[in-house]
Amino acid sequence: MSFLMLKELSRKIHRRVIVSLESLLARLDSNFAYKNRRKRWETQSSSLRQIFFLLGKSLKFLKK
């Protein structure tokens, strides 16, 4: 394989990983939003939502 082929393959894998992580984050975020409506999870889910928000921002930065 040439260097350019390896580089393109690496980009494709990187994109798939980011898309997979973003969909996982979206699912987790909606799950925590549901628990947040149930009030007893409010404090735990808000801190976890902040963590996932920051992780999502860093993933968007890596995408560029």
C-alpha atoms as a PDB file:
ATOM      1  CA  MET A   1       0.000   0.000   0.000  1.00  0.00           C
ATOM      2  CA  SER A   2       1.159   3.472  -0.732  1.00  0.00           C
ATOM      3  CA  PHE A   3       1.401   6.180   1.876  1.00  0.00           C
ATOM      4  CA  LEU A   4      -1.576   8.056   0.391  1.00  0.00           C
ATOM      5  CA  MET A   5      -3.774   4.955   0.538  1.00  0.00           C
ATOM      6  CA  LEU A   6      -2.861   4.422   4.189  1.00  0.00           C
ATOM      7  CA  LYS A   7      -3.544   8.064   4.949  1.00  0.00           C
ATOM      8  CA  GLU A   8      -6.999   7.909   3.321  1.00  0.00           C
ATOM      9  CA  LEU A   9      -7.826   4.664   5.140  1.00  0.00           C
ATOM     10  CA  SER A  10      -6.816   6.299   8.412  1.00  0.00           C
ATOM     11  CA  ARG A  11      -9.123   9.258   7.700  1.00  0.00           C
ATOM     12  CA  LYS A  12     -12.076   6.966   6.943  1.00  0.00           C
ATOM     13  CA  ILE A  13     -11.566   4.991  10.158  1.00  0.00           C
ATOM     14  CA  HIS A  14     -11.179   8.219  12.142  1.00  0.00           C
ATOM     15  CA  ARG A  15     -14.453   9.581  10.722  1.00  0.00           C
ATOM     16  CA  ARG A  16     -16.333   6.366  11.521  1.00  0.00           C
ATOM     17  CA  VAL A  17     -15.043   6.375  15.097  1.00  0.00           C
ATOM     18  CA  ILE A  18     -16.107  10.002  15.586  1.00  0.00           C
ATOM     19  CA  VAL A  19     -19.568   9.356  14.110  1.00  0.00           C
ATOM     20  CA  SER A  20     -19.983   6.289  16.337  1.00  0.00           C
ATOM     21  CA  LEU A  21     -18.929   8.235  19.426  1.00  0.00           C
ATOM     22  CA  GLU A  22     -21.253  11.115  18.560  1.00  0.00           C
ATOM     23  CA  SER A  23     -24.238   8.780  18.164  1.00  0.00           C
ATOM     24  CA  LEU A  24     -23.364   7.093  21.461  1.00  0.00           C
ATOM     25  CA  LEU A  25     -23.164  10.496  23.150  1.00  0.00           C
ATOM     26  CA  ALA A  26     -26.539  11.476  21.694  1.00  0.00           C
ATOM     27  CA  ARG A  27     -28.124   8.291  23.048  1.00  0.00           C
ATOM     28  CA  LEU A  28     -26.572   8.767  26.474  1.00  0.00           C
ATOM     29  CA  ASP A  29     -27.612  12.414  26.521  1.00  0.00           C
ATOM     30  CA  SER A  30     -31.237  11.554  25.731  1.00  0.00           C
ATOM     31  CA  ASN A  31     -31.150   8.826  28.382  1.00  0.00           C
ATOM     32  CA  PHE A  32     -29.896  11.300  30.992  1.00  0.00           C
ATOM     33  CA  ALA A  33     -32.481  13.852  29.888  1.00  0.00           C
ATOM     34  CA  TYR A  34     -35.176  11.228  30.538  1.00  0.00           C
ATOM     35  CA  LYS A  35     -33.751  10.499  33.978  1.00  0.00           C
ATOM     36  CA  ASN A  36     -33.484  14.222  34.621  1.00  0.00           C
ATOM     37  CA  ARG A  37     -37.267  14.462  34.273  1.00  0.00           C
ATOM     38  CA  ARG A  38     -37.568  11.931  37.058  1.00  0.00           C
ATOM     39  CA  LYS A  39     -35.925  14.437  39.466  1.00  0.00           C
ATOM     40  CA  ARG A  40     -34.073  11.966  41.678  1.00  0.00           C
ATOM     41  CA  TRP A  41     -31.328  11.707  39.053  1.00  0.00           C
ATOM     42  CA  GLU A  42     -31.141  15.459  38.537  1.00  0.00           C
ATOM     43  CA  THR A  43     -27.814  16.187  40.253  1.00  0.00           C
ATOM     44  CA  GLN A  44     -26.039  13.105  38.904  1.00  0.00           C
ATOM     45  CA  SER A  45     -27.234  13.542  35.342  1.00  0.00           C
ATOM     46  CA  SER A  46     -26.387  17.246  35.200  1.00  0.00           C
ATOM     47  CA  SER A  47     -22.734  16.594  36.038  1.00  0.00           C
ATOM     48  CA  LEU A  48     -22.611  13.680  33.589  1.00  0.00           C
ATOM     49  CA  ARG A  49     -24.269  15.828  30.924  1.00  0.00           C
ATOM     50  CA  GLN A  50     -21.525  18.428  31.419  1.00  0.00           C
ATOM     51  CA  ILE A  51     -18.882  15.739  30.961  1.00  0.00           C
ATOM     52  CA  PHE A  52     -20.522  14.473  27.760  1.00  0.00           C
ATOM     53  CA  PHE A  53     -20.987  18.044  26.517  1.00  0.00           C
ATOM     54  CA  LEU A  54     -17.264  18.731  26.934  1.00  0.00           C
ATOM     55  CA  LEU A  55     -16.391  15.400  25.327  1.00  0.00           C
ATOM     56  CA  GLY A  56     -18.663  16.231  22.395  1.00  0.00           C
ATOM     57  CA  LYS A  57     -17.021  19.638  21.977  1.00  0.00           C
ATOM     58  CA  SER A  58     -13.578  18.039  21.945  1.00  0.00           C
ATOM     59  CA  LEU A  59     -14.744  15.507  19.327  1.00  0.00           C
ATOM     60  CA  LYS A  60     -16.020  18.324  17.123  1.00  0.00           C
ATOM     61  CA  PHE A  61     -12.654  20.039  17.502  1.00  0.00           C
ATOM     62  CA  LEU A  62     -10.850  16.825  16.493  1.00  0.00           C
ATOM     63  CA  LYS A  63     -13.070  16.505  13.420  1.00  0.00           C
ATOM     64  CA  LYS A  64     -11.661  19.707  11.903  1.00  0.00           C
END
